[in-house]
N, C-alpha and C. Protein backbone atom coordinates (compact mmCIF):
# COMPACT_ATOMS: atom_id res chain seq x y z
N UNK A 1 11.01 -1.41 -10.63
CA UNK A 1 11.65 -0.86 -11.66
C UNK A 1 11.05 -1.77 -13.32
N UNK A 2 10.78 -1.36 -14.26
CA UNK A 2 10.58 -2.45 -15.30
C UNK A 2 11.31 -1.99 -16.57
N UNK A 3 11.33 -2.90 -17.68
CA UNK A 3 11.57 -2.37 -18.72
C UNK A 3 11.05 -3.74 -19.55
N UNK A 4 9.98 -3.37 -20.59
CA UNK A 4 9.37 -4.57 -21.51
C UNK A 4 8.89 -5.69 -20.11
N UNK A 5 8.10 -5.12 -19.61
CA UNK A 5 7.52 -6.26 -18.90
C UNK A 5 5.80 -6.32 -19.11
N UNK A 6 5.93 -6.20 -20.64
CA UNK A 6 3.81 -6.62 -20.12
C UNK A 6 3.56 -7.45 -19.86
N UNK A 7 4.78 -8.77 -19.75
CA UNK A 7 4.07 -9.69 -19.87
C UNK A 7 4.07 -10.53 -18.88
N UNK A 8 4.21 -9.43 -17.41
CA UNK A 8 4.01 -9.80 -16.16
C UNK A 8 3.60 -9.00 -15.48
N UNK A 9 3.45 -7.78 -15.63
CA UNK A 9 3.64 -6.49 -15.19
C UNK A 9 2.11 -6.42 -14.22
N UNK A 10 1.23 -6.60 -14.87
CA UNK A 10 0.00 -6.72 -14.47
C UNK A 10 -0.37 -7.58 -13.06
N UNK A 11 0.15 -8.82 -13.77
CA UNK A 11 0.03 -9.87 -12.52
C UNK A 11 1.05 -9.30 -11.11
N UNK A 12 1.91 -9.20 -11.18
CA UNK A 12 2.85 -8.01 -10.00
C UNK A 12 1.60 -7.10 -9.72
N UNK A 13 1.84 -6.06 -10.45
CA UNK A 13 0.93 -4.83 -9.46
C UNK A 13 -0.71 -5.50 -8.75
N UNK A 14 -1.33 -6.30 -9.11
CA UNK A 14 -2.35 -7.04 -8.93
C UNK A 14 -2.00 -7.76 -7.26
N UNK A 15 -0.88 -8.36 -7.61
CA UNK A 15 -0.39 -8.77 -6.07
C UNK A 15 -0.24 -7.74 -5.25
N UNK A 16 0.39 -6.89 -5.28
CA UNK A 16 0.85 -5.64 -4.15
C UNK A 16 -0.89 -4.80 -4.33
N UNK A 17 -1.41 -5.04 -4.54
CA UNK A 17 -2.87 -4.05 -4.84
C UNK A 17 -3.93 -4.76 -3.69
N UNK A 18 -3.33 -6.56 -4.09
CA UNK A 18 -4.03 -7.33 -3.16
C UNK A 18 -3.67 -7.82 -1.82
N UNK A 19 -2.72 -6.55 -1.09
CA UNK A 19 -2.02 -7.29 -0.32
C UNK A 19 -3.32 -6.97 0.80
N UNK A 20 -2.75 -7.75 2.43
CA UNK A 20 -3.30 -7.84 3.28
C UNK A 20 -3.28 -6.08 3.81
N UNK A 21 -1.87 -5.72 4.09
CA UNK A 21 -1.55 -4.03 4.25
C UNK A 21 -1.35 -3.59 3.18
N UNK A 22 -2.56 -2.75 2.12
CA UNK A 22 -2.16 -1.68 1.33
C UNK A 22 -0.88 -0.83 1.69
N UNK A 23 -0.26 -1.01 0.42
CA UNK A 23 0.97 0.00 0.46
C UNK A 23 0.89 1.22 0.29
N UNK A 24 1.42 2.42 0.62
CA UNK A 24 1.06 4.03 0.79
C UNK A 24 1.19 4.10 -0.51
N UNK A 25 2.35 4.05 -1.44
CA UNK A 25 2.14 4.21 -3.07
C UNK A 25 2.80 2.96 -3.16
N UNK A 26 2.88 3.48 -4.55
CA UNK A 26 3.80 2.09 -6.17
C UNK A 26 4.73 3.08 -6.48
N UNK A 27 5.81 3.40 -6.52
CA UNK A 27 6.36 4.07 -7.42
C UNK A 27 7.34 2.67 -8.61
N UNK A 28 7.59 3.32 -9.86
CA UNK A 28 7.39 2.88 -10.97
C UNK A 28 8.76 3.61 -11.80
N UNK A 29 9.45 3.00 -12.20
CA UNK A 29 10.44 3.68 -12.74
C UNK A 29 10.73 2.56 -14.33
N UNK A 30 10.25 3.12 -15.23
CA UNK A 30 10.05 2.51 -16.73
C UNK A 30 11.70 2.72 -16.97
N UNK A 31 12.26 2.17 -17.45
CA UNK A 31 13.40 2.05 -18.16
C UNK A 31 13.44 2.05 -19.69
N UNK A 32 12.25 3.21 -20.04
CA UNK A 32 11.95 2.78 -22.04
C UNK A 32 11.89 2.23 -22.14
N UNK A 33 10.64 1.07 -22.09
CA UNK A 33 10.23 0.14 -22.15
C UNK A 33 9.81 0.34 -24.29
N UNK A 34 9.89 -0.62 -25.29
CA UNK A 34 9.43 -0.31 -26.10
C UNK A 34 8.76 -1.28 -25.99
N UNK A 35 8.02 -2.25 -25.23
CA UNK A 35 6.37 -2.85 -25.46
C UNK A 35 5.56 -1.89 -24.99
N UNK A 36 4.08 -2.67 -24.75
CA UNK A 36 2.93 -2.10 -23.42
C UNK A 36 2.90 -1.96 -22.03
N UNK A 37 4.32 -2.11 -22.00
CA UNK A 37 4.33 -1.95 -20.70
C UNK A 37 3.49 -0.75 -20.01
N UNK A 38 4.00 0.27 -20.02
CA UNK A 38 3.32 2.04 -20.03
C UNK A 38 2.40 1.89 -19.72
N UNK A 39 1.32 1.39 -20.71
CA UNK A 39 -0.01 1.48 -21.76
C UNK A 39 -0.34 0.03 -20.12
N UNK A 40 -0.35 -1.02 -19.45
CA UNK A 40 -0.46 -1.61 -18.93
C UNK A 40 -0.75 -1.05 -17.71
N UNK A 41 0.76 -0.14 -17.30
CA UNK A 41 0.55 0.14 -15.65
C UNK A 41 -0.96 1.42 -15.48
N UNK A 42 -0.52 2.71 -17.07
CA UNK A 42 -1.83 3.43 -16.78
C UNK A 42 -2.88 2.55 -16.69
N UNK A 43 -3.30 1.62 -17.23
CA UNK A 43 -4.59 0.70 -17.13
C UNK A 43 -5.06 0.38 -15.83
N UNK A 44 -3.83 0.27 -15.14
CA UNK A 44 -3.75 -0.31 -13.96
C UNK A 44 -4.40 0.93 -12.78
N UNK A 45 -3.52 1.95 -13.23
CA UNK A 45 -3.61 3.08 -12.42
C UNK A 45 -5.12 3.32 -11.87
N UNK A 46 -5.82 3.65 -13.32
CA UNK A 46 -7.20 4.10 -13.37
C UNK A 46 -8.07 2.79 -12.43
N UNK A 47 -7.62 1.76 -12.40
CA UNK A 47 -8.54 1.13 -11.56
C UNK A 47 -8.23 0.62 -10.01
N UNK A 48 -7.44 1.48 -9.36
CA UNK A 48 -6.69 1.09 -7.91
C UNK A 48 -6.95 2.62 -7.08
N UNK A 49 -6.96 2.39 -6.40
CA UNK A 49 -6.94 3.25 -5.26
C UNK A 49 -5.78 3.52 -3.93
N UNK A 50 -4.82 3.51 -4.76
CA UNK A 50 -3.22 3.79 -3.95
C UNK A 50 -2.52 4.15 -5.20
N UNK A 51 -2.17 5.56 -4.26
CA UNK A 51 -0.76 6.40 -4.71
C UNK A 51 0.44 6.18 -5.82
N UNK A 52 0.30 6.42 -7.08
CA UNK A 52 1.21 5.59 -8.24
C UNK A 52 2.08 6.83 -8.81
N UNK A 53 3.60 6.62 -8.32
CA UNK A 53 4.09 7.75 -9.00
C UNK A 53 4.96 7.06 -10.34
N UNK A 54 4.80 7.74 -11.34
CA UNK A 54 5.54 7.15 -12.20
C UNK A 54 6.69 7.95 -12.73
N UNK A 55 8.28 7.42 -13.29
CA UNK A 55 9.29 8.11 -13.50
C UNK A 55 9.73 6.89 -14.98
N UNK A 56 9.53 7.83 -15.56
CA UNK A 56 9.82 7.04 -17.16
C UNK A 56 11.19 7.95 -17.91
N UNK A 57 11.93 6.82 -17.87
CA UNK A 57 13.28 7.04 -18.86
C UNK A 57 13.32 7.73 -19.62
N UNK A 58 13.84 8.16 -20.39
CA UNK A 58 13.87 8.80 -22.26
C UNK A 58 14.91 7.85 -22.64
N UNK A 59 15.77 7.16 -22.16
CA UNK A 59 16.67 5.55 -22.97
C UNK A 59 17.15 5.27 -21.39
N UNK A 60 16.79 4.07 -22.05
CA UNK A 60 17.22 2.68 -21.25
C UNK A 60 19.06 2.70 -20.53
N UNK A 61 18.49 2.80 -19.40
CA UNK A 61 20.14 3.33 -18.66
C UNK A 61 20.18 1.62 -17.84
N UNK A 62 19.85 0.61 -17.69
CA UNK A 62 19.76 -0.26 -17.22
C UNK A 62 19.21 -0.49 -15.58
N UNK A 63 19.22 -1.98 -15.91
CA UNK A 63 17.83 -2.09 -13.86
C UNK A 63 18.60 -1.03 -12.88
N UNK A 64 20.13 -1.05 -12.72
CA UNK A 64 20.42 -0.41 -11.60
C UNK A 64 20.17 0.60 -11.74
N UNK A 65 20.44 1.55 -12.16
CA UNK A 65 19.66 3.29 -12.90
C UNK A 65 18.63 3.12 -12.59
N UNK A 66 17.52 2.20 -13.12
CA UNK A 66 16.20 2.14 -12.18
C UNK A 66 15.87 2.40 -11.48
N UNK A 67 16.36 1.14 -10.57
CA UNK A 67 16.14 0.57 -9.08
C UNK A 67 16.64 2.14 -8.35
N UNK A 68 17.54 2.65 -8.78
CA UNK A 68 18.17 4.15 -7.85
C UNK A 68 16.80 5.24 -8.11
N UNK A 69 16.55 5.33 -9.39
CA UNK A 69 15.61 6.09 -9.60
C UNK A 69 14.28 6.24 -9.01
N UNK A 70 13.81 5.02 -8.65
CA UNK A 70 12.60 4.48 -8.55
C UNK A 70 12.83 4.66 -6.71
N UNK A 71 13.83 4.19 -5.91
CA UNK A 71 13.94 3.75 -4.67
C UNK A 71 14.43 5.61 -4.19
N UNK A 72 14.66 6.48 -5.17
CA UNK A 72 15.06 7.57 -4.53
C UNK A 72 13.60 8.60 -4.33
N UNK A 73 12.94 8.41 -5.47
CA UNK A 73 11.49 8.32 -5.38
C UNK A 73 10.59 7.85 -4.50
N UNK A 74 10.52 7.32 -3.28
CA UNK A 74 9.81 7.09 -2.52
C UNK A 74 9.65 7.45 -1.23
N UNK A 75 8.51 7.91 -1.22
CA UNK A 75 8.14 8.27 0.40
C UNK A 75 7.79 7.34 1.84
N UNK A 76 7.55 7.01 1.72
CA UNK A 76 7.41 5.15 3.28
C UNK A 76 8.55 5.33 3.57
N UNK A 77 8.03 5.49 5.22
CA UNK A 77 9.08 4.99 5.81
C UNK A 77 10.09 3.29 5.82
N UNK A 78 9.08 2.38 5.42
CA UNK A 78 9.16 1.70 4.48
C UNK A 78 9.62 1.00 3.18
N UNK A 79 10.52 0.70 2.38
CA UNK A 79 10.60 0.45 0.81
C UNK A 79 10.61 -1.09 0.45
N UNK A 80 9.69 -1.37 -0.62
CA UNK A 80 10.21 -2.73 -0.40
C UNK A 80 10.37 -2.66 -2.06
N UNK A 81 10.95 -3.86 -2.59
CA UNK A 81 11.69 -3.44 -3.58
C UNK A 81 11.06 -5.04 -4.71
N UNK A 82 11.09 -4.25 -5.56
CA UNK A 82 9.93 -5.68 -6.56
C UNK A 82 10.54 -5.94 -7.92
N UNK A 83 10.37 -6.80 -8.70
CA UNK A 83 10.71 -6.97 -10.18
C UNK A 83 9.78 -7.13 -10.78
N UNK A 84 9.82 -6.59 -11.87
CA UNK A 84 8.49 -6.55 -12.76
C UNK A 84 7.25 -8.07 -12.77
N UNK A 85 8.07 -9.30 -12.50
CA UNK A 85 8.00 -10.11 -12.82
C UNK A 85 7.66 -10.84 -11.46
N UNK A 86 7.68 -10.38 -10.32
CA UNK A 86 7.40 -11.13 -9.22
C UNK A 86 5.98 -11.22 -9.01
N UNK A 87 5.20 -12.00 -8.27
CA UNK A 87 4.08 -12.10 -7.30
C UNK A 87 4.16 -12.40 -6.12
N UNK A 88 3.88 -11.05 -5.26
CA UNK A 88 3.89 -11.11 -3.90
C UNK A 88 2.65 -12.41 -3.59
N UNK A 89 3.13 -12.75 -2.67
CA UNK A 89 1.55 -13.46 -1.63
C UNK A 89 0.81 -12.24 -0.55
N UNK A 90 -0.47 -12.70 -0.03
CA UNK A 90 -1.06 -11.28 0.23
C UNK A 90 -0.74 -10.79 1.19
N UNK A 91 0.29 -12.32 2.31
CA UNK A 91 0.81 -10.71 3.57
C UNK A 91 2.12 -10.65 3.47
N UNK A 92 2.90 -10.24 2.25
CA UNK A 92 4.56 -9.86 2.18
C UNK A 92 4.11 -8.73 3.12
N UNK A 93 3.83 -7.59 2.58
CA UNK A 93 4.02 -6.74 3.81
C UNK A 93 3.37 -6.71 5.03
N UNK A 94 2.16 -7.33 5.44
CA UNK A 94 1.92 -7.42 6.72
C UNK A 94 3.08 -8.31 7.36
N UNK A 95 3.48 -9.28 6.98
CA UNK A 95 4.62 -10.05 7.58
C UNK A 95 5.50 -9.26 7.64
N UNK A 96 6.61 -8.59 6.84
CA UNK A 96 7.50 -8.02 7.03
C UNK A 96 7.54 -6.60 7.97
N UNK A 97 6.42 -5.82 8.19
CA UNK A 97 6.15 -4.67 8.87
C UNK A 97 6.49 -5.31 10.38
N UNK A 98 5.87 -7.00 10.60
CA UNK A 98 5.17 -7.07 11.82
C UNK A 98 6.89 -7.01 12.35
N UNK A 99 7.84 -7.89 11.43
CA UNK A 99 8.95 -8.02 11.56
C UNK A 99 10.11 -7.24 12.02
N UNK A 100 10.05 -5.87 11.29
CA UNK A 100 9.91 -4.28 11.66
C UNK A 100 9.97 -4.02 13.12
N UNK A 101 8.85 -4.29 13.41
CA UNK A 101 8.00 -3.95 14.81
C UNK A 101 8.88 -4.11 16.08
N UNK A 102 9.12 -5.97 15.46
CA UNK A 102 9.45 -6.81 16.58
C UNK A 102 10.82 -5.94 16.52
N UNK A 103 11.02 -5.94 16.00
CA UNK A 103 12.94 -6.43 15.73
C UNK A 103 13.80 -4.74 15.33
N UNK A 104 13.61 -3.82 16.21
CA UNK A 104 13.69 -2.56 16.50
C UNK A 104 15.23 -2.36 15.43
N UNK A 105 16.17 -2.92 15.78
CA UNK A 105 17.79 -2.68 15.13
C UNK A 105 17.57 -3.31 13.82
N UNK A 106 16.70 -4.05 13.08
CA UNK A 106 16.69 -3.95 11.97
C UNK A 106 16.40 -3.11 10.70
N UNK A 107 17.25 -3.24 9.91
CA UNK A 107 17.20 -2.02 8.92
C UNK A 107 16.81 -2.13 7.56
N UNK A 108 17.44 -3.97 7.34
CA UNK A 108 16.84 -4.38 5.94
C UNK A 108 16.45 -5.98 6.30
N UNK A 109 15.23 -6.20 5.36
CA UNK A 109 14.90 -7.57 5.51
C UNK A 109 14.78 -8.05 4.24
N UNK A 110 15.19 -9.43 4.24
CA UNK A 110 15.17 -10.29 3.07
C UNK A 110 14.09 -11.81 3.18
N UNK A 111 13.37 -11.72 2.76
CA UNK A 111 12.52 -12.62 2.75
C UNK A 111 12.72 -13.97 2.28
N UNK A 112 12.23 -14.75 1.43
CA UNK A 112 12.27 -16.25 0.99
C UNK A 112 11.52 -16.18 -0.50
N UNK A 113 11.64 -16.99 -0.96
CA UNK A 113 10.68 -16.79 -2.12
C UNK A 113 10.47 -17.99 -3.40
N UNK A 114 9.64 -18.91 -3.92
CA UNK A 114 9.53 -19.97 -4.30
C UNK A 114 9.96 -19.31 -5.45
N UNK A 115 10.55 -20.48 -6.46
CA UNK A 115 10.09 -20.42 -8.01
C UNK A 115 9.21 -21.03 -8.12
N UNK A 116 9.09 -20.17 -9.93
CA UNK A 116 7.99 -20.50 -10.30
C UNK A 116 8.64 -21.27 -11.92
N UNK A 117 7.42 -21.24 -12.72
CA UNK A 117 7.87 -21.26 -14.20
C UNK A 117 6.70 -20.12 -14.52
N UNK A 118 6.81 -19.83 -15.94
CA UNK A 118 5.89 -18.50 -16.25
C UNK A 118 4.67 -18.54 -16.19
N UNK A 119 4.17 -20.16 -16.09
CA UNK A 119 2.66 -20.01 -15.27
C UNK A 119 2.50 -20.01 -14.02
N UNK A 120 3.12 -19.72 -13.48
CA UNK A 120 3.33 -19.97 -12.06
C UNK A 120 3.01 -21.22 -11.16
N UNK A 121 3.70 -21.56 -11.76
CA UNK A 121 3.50 -23.70 -11.02
C UNK A 121 4.87 -23.89 -10.29
N UNK A 122 4.66 -24.31 -9.33
CA UNK A 122 5.73 -24.37 -8.31
C UNK A 122 7.28 -25.36 -8.60
N UNK A 123 8.31 -24.60 -8.78
CA UNK A 123 9.41 -25.84 -9.07
C UNK A 123 9.75 -26.35 -8.30
N UNK A 124 9.17 -26.06 -6.45
CA UNK A 124 9.73 -27.00 -5.47
C UNK A 124 10.79 -26.53 -4.95
N UNK A 125 11.49 -25.58 -4.92
CA UNK A 125 12.75 -25.05 -4.39
C UNK A 125 12.68 -23.76 -4.32
N UNK A 126 13.17 -22.63 -3.23
CA UNK A 126 13.40 -21.70 -2.25
C UNK A 126 14.51 -20.90 -3.13
N UNK A 127 14.52 -19.79 -2.63
CA UNK A 127 15.72 -19.20 -3.22
C UNK A 127 16.57 -19.21 -1.97
N UNK A 128 16.45 -19.54 -0.96
CA UNK A 128 16.92 -19.55 0.45
C UNK A 128 17.63 -21.06 0.25
N UNK A 129 16.93 -22.30 -0.27
CA UNK A 129 17.12 -23.10 -0.78
C UNK A 129 18.87 -23.75 -1.59
N UNK A 130 18.28 -22.41 -2.58
CA UNK A 130 19.49 -22.70 -3.78
C UNK A 130 20.79 -22.24 -2.85
N UNK A 131 20.96 -21.20 -2.18
CA UNK A 131 21.80 -20.16 -1.66
C UNK A 131 22.49 -21.44 -0.46
N UNK A 132 21.68 -22.00 0.28
CA UNK A 132 22.39 -22.73 0.86
C UNK A 132 23.08 -23.87 -0.05
N UNK A 133 22.63 -24.41 -0.52
CA UNK A 133 23.11 -25.56 -1.11
C UNK A 133 24.67 -25.10 -2.07
N UNK A 134 24.38 -23.88 -2.38
CA UNK A 134 25.47 -23.34 -3.04
C UNK A 134 26.33 -22.47 -2.32
N UNK A 135 26.49 -21.82 -1.42
CA UNK A 135 27.33 -21.48 -0.30
C UNK A 135 27.33 -21.86 0.98
N UNK A 136 26.21 -22.64 1.18
CA UNK A 136 26.38 -23.09 2.56
C UNK A 136 26.04 -22.38 3.71
N UNK A 137 25.70 -21.52 3.55
CA UNK A 137 25.54 -20.14 4.41
C UNK A 137 24.56 -19.05 3.85
N UNK A 138 24.10 -17.94 4.43
CA UNK A 138 23.34 -16.92 3.39
C UNK A 138 24.29 -15.89 3.68
N UNK A 139 25.30 -15.85 3.70
CA UNK A 139 25.81 -14.05 3.58
C UNK A 139 25.51 -13.75 2.08
N UNK A 140 25.86 -14.79 1.28
CA UNK A 140 25.46 -14.00 -0.07
C UNK A 140 23.51 -13.87 -0.92
N UNK A 141 23.55 -14.20 0.27
CA UNK A 141 21.90 -14.04 0.02
C UNK A 141 20.94 -12.45 -0.53
N UNK A 142 21.26 -11.89 -1.54
CA UNK A 142 21.27 -10.50 -1.54
C UNK A 142 19.90 -10.17 -2.66
N UNK A 143 18.80 -11.56 -2.95
CA UNK A 143 18.38 -10.94 -3.91
C UNK A 143 17.08 -9.75 -3.90
N UNK A 144 17.35 -9.00 -4.51
CA UNK A 144 16.48 -7.57 -4.66
C UNK A 144 15.36 -7.59 -4.61
N UNK A 145 14.95 -8.44 -4.81
CA UNK A 145 12.97 -8.64 -4.95
C UNK A 145 12.19 -8.67 -3.95
N UNK A 146 13.66 -9.42 -3.36
CA UNK A 146 13.37 -10.13 -1.91
C UNK A 146 13.01 -9.07 -0.45
N UNK A 147 13.41 -7.65 -1.57
CA UNK A 147 14.38 -6.82 -0.02
C UNK A 147 13.02 -5.99 0.44
N UNK A 148 12.88 -5.67 1.33
CA UNK A 148 12.07 -4.05 2.58
C UNK A 148 13.56 -4.03 3.04
N UNK A 149 13.21 -2.40 3.10
CA UNK A 149 14.17 -1.70 3.97
C UNK A 149 13.78 -0.33 4.44
N UNK A 150 14.35 0.36 5.50
CA UNK A 150 14.15 1.50 6.03
C UNK A 150 14.66 2.36 5.56
N UNK A 151 13.50 3.35 5.02
CA UNK A 151 14.57 4.62 4.44
C UNK A 151 15.40 5.15 5.04
N UNK A 152 15.87 5.18 6.40
CA UNK A 152 16.82 5.72 6.99
C UNK A 152 18.43 5.09 6.28
N UNK A 153 18.17 4.01 5.66
CA UNK A 153 19.04 3.49 4.77
C UNK A 153 19.76 4.50 3.51
N UNK A 154 19.10 5.16 3.46
CA UNK A 154 19.28 5.72 1.84
C UNK A 154 20.01 7.29 1.86
N UNK A 155 20.09 7.48 3.35
CA UNK A 155 21.28 8.52 3.21
C UNK A 155 22.48 7.58 2.94
N UNK A 156 22.66 6.24 3.44
CA UNK A 156 24.07 5.31 3.15
C UNK A 156 23.84 5.21 2.08
N UNK A 157 22.76 4.81 1.18
CA UNK A 157 22.77 3.77 0.28
C UNK A 157 22.89 4.59 -1.18
N UNK A 158 22.33 5.82 -0.93
CA UNK A 158 22.08 6.61 -2.32
C UNK A 158 23.41 7.60 -2.29
N UNK A 159 23.40 8.00 -3.60
CA UNK A 159 23.95 7.10 -4.83
C UNK A 159 24.66 5.85 -4.80
N UNK A 160 23.87 5.51 -5.50
CA UNK A 160 24.58 3.88 -6.09
C UNK A 160 26.11 4.03 -6.21
N UNK A 161 27.38 2.87 -5.70
CA UNK A 161 28.79 3.28 -6.52
C UNK A 161 28.68 3.02 -8.28
N UNK A 162 29.10 4.12 -8.84
CA UNK A 162 29.24 3.88 -10.35
C UNK A 162 29.69 2.35 -10.82
N UNK A 163 30.60 1.74 -10.01
CA UNK A 163 31.58 0.73 -10.89
C UNK A 163 31.11 -0.41 -9.52
N UNK A 164 29.85 -0.53 -9.18
CA UNK A 164 29.55 -1.38 -7.81
C UNK A 164 28.83 -2.53 -9.01
N UNK A 165 28.85 -3.73 -8.05
CA UNK A 165 28.08 -4.96 -8.94
C UNK A 165 26.63 -5.09 -9.64
N UNK A 166 25.69 -4.99 -8.10
CA UNK A 166 24.43 -4.20 -8.44
C UNK A 166 23.91 -3.81 -7.42
N UNK A 167 23.04 -3.12 -7.49
CA UNK A 167 21.87 -2.14 -6.36
C UNK A 167 21.77 -2.93 -5.25
N UNK A 168 21.50 -4.45 -5.68
CA UNK A 168 20.91 -5.45 -3.74
C UNK A 168 22.27 -5.76 -3.58
N UNK A 169 23.13 -6.24 -3.78
CA UNK A 169 24.90 -6.18 -3.12
C UNK A 169 24.80 -4.89 -2.61
N UNK A 170 24.89 -4.16 -3.16
CA UNK A 170 25.34 -2.99 -2.15
C UNK A 170 24.49 -2.63 -0.84
N UNK A 171 23.06 -2.75 -1.47
CA UNK A 171 22.00 -2.68 -0.27
C UNK A 171 22.57 -3.39 0.73
N UNK A 172 22.98 -4.71 1.03
CA UNK A 172 23.16 -5.77 1.67
C UNK A 172 24.44 -5.35 2.14
N UNK A 173 25.47 -5.03 1.33
CA UNK A 173 26.70 -4.52 2.18
C UNK A 173 26.82 -3.72 3.56
N UNK A 174 25.80 -2.94 3.07
CA UNK A 174 25.64 -2.02 4.00
C UNK A 174 24.80 -2.14 5.41
N UNK A 175 23.53 -2.97 4.74
CA UNK A 175 22.83 -3.66 6.40
C UNK A 175 24.02 -4.84 6.95
N UNK A 176 24.72 -5.71 5.94
CA UNK A 176 25.38 -6.30 7.32
C UNK A 176 26.63 -5.53 7.68
N UNK A 177 26.93 -4.31 7.20
CA UNK A 177 28.33 -3.85 7.61
C UNK A 177 27.88 -3.03 8.99
N UNK A 178 26.22 -2.86 8.62
CA UNK A 178 25.67 -2.02 10.19
C UNK A 178 25.47 -3.37 11.19
N UNK A 179 24.97 -4.63 10.61
CA UNK A 179 24.48 -5.28 11.68
C UNK A 179 23.29 -5.68 11.84
N UNK A 180 22.38 -4.66 10.67
CA UNK A 180 20.83 -4.58 11.14
C UNK A 180 20.48 -5.63 9.50
N UNK A 181 20.71 -6.60 9.26
CA UNK A 181 20.20 -7.72 8.50
C UNK A 181 19.45 -8.44 8.60
N UNK A 182 18.38 -9.06 8.20
CA UNK A 182 17.61 -9.90 8.78
C UNK A 182 16.86 -10.82 7.51
N UNK A 183 17.11 -12.34 7.92
CA UNK A 183 16.71 -13.25 6.65
C UNK A 183 15.44 -14.14 7.29
N UNK A 184 14.41 -13.05 6.80
CA UNK A 184 12.71 -14.12 6.95
C UNK A 184 13.30 -15.27 6.34
N UNK A 185 12.72 -15.98 6.36
CA UNK A 185 12.73 -17.81 5.91
C UNK A 185 11.05 -17.80 5.51
N UNK A 186 10.44 -17.29 5.74
CA UNK A 186 9.29 -16.92 5.42
C UNK A 186 9.12 -17.04 3.97
N UNK A 187 8.21 -17.99 3.00
CA UNK A 187 8.54 -17.69 1.65
C UNK A 187 6.56 -16.69 1.17
N UNK A 188 7.44 -15.15 0.84
CA UNK A 188 6.89 -14.77 0.51
C UNK A 188 6.14 -14.20 -0.68
N UNK A 189 6.81 -15.12 -1.88
CA UNK A 189 6.20 -13.97 -3.03
C UNK A 189 7.34 -15.43 -4.21
């Protein structure tokens, strides 16, 4: 999902394109950006060999609906969620697929990520470290941008409840209730 992401979107798209295992597709829902996000995405499309679907909202519906639109339009068996300002490490897809292959009962994997400043200088703390300090467990570790899930969850996941907190909380709630959520301690972005 994108919204006025011109500052970081190209770096994110390049990190997806540079994966050790390429994605089958990239699905982008732009939530009525007013900056050059869409222009940057179109320039990127002309320089890569990955199938890219773009859905553009005519008016801003919020990130919750933008992610729902993007997710509904995915065709792959495993869906990776990404914010417009993430940068994936080269083996994020490879590492995640390996876990799905090894743990057949898992439907959702959440990896760890390291915080950086806007120049990508490490702040020397990961999301999991913060959650452990705040909650002393990982029950509330729900970072959407760190999630990958099997498409078969969509029947339970979509449509998002109208009055729910956030799309990622809803996704994690479903996976936890099914006993099919796995926390990957590898820092992959």
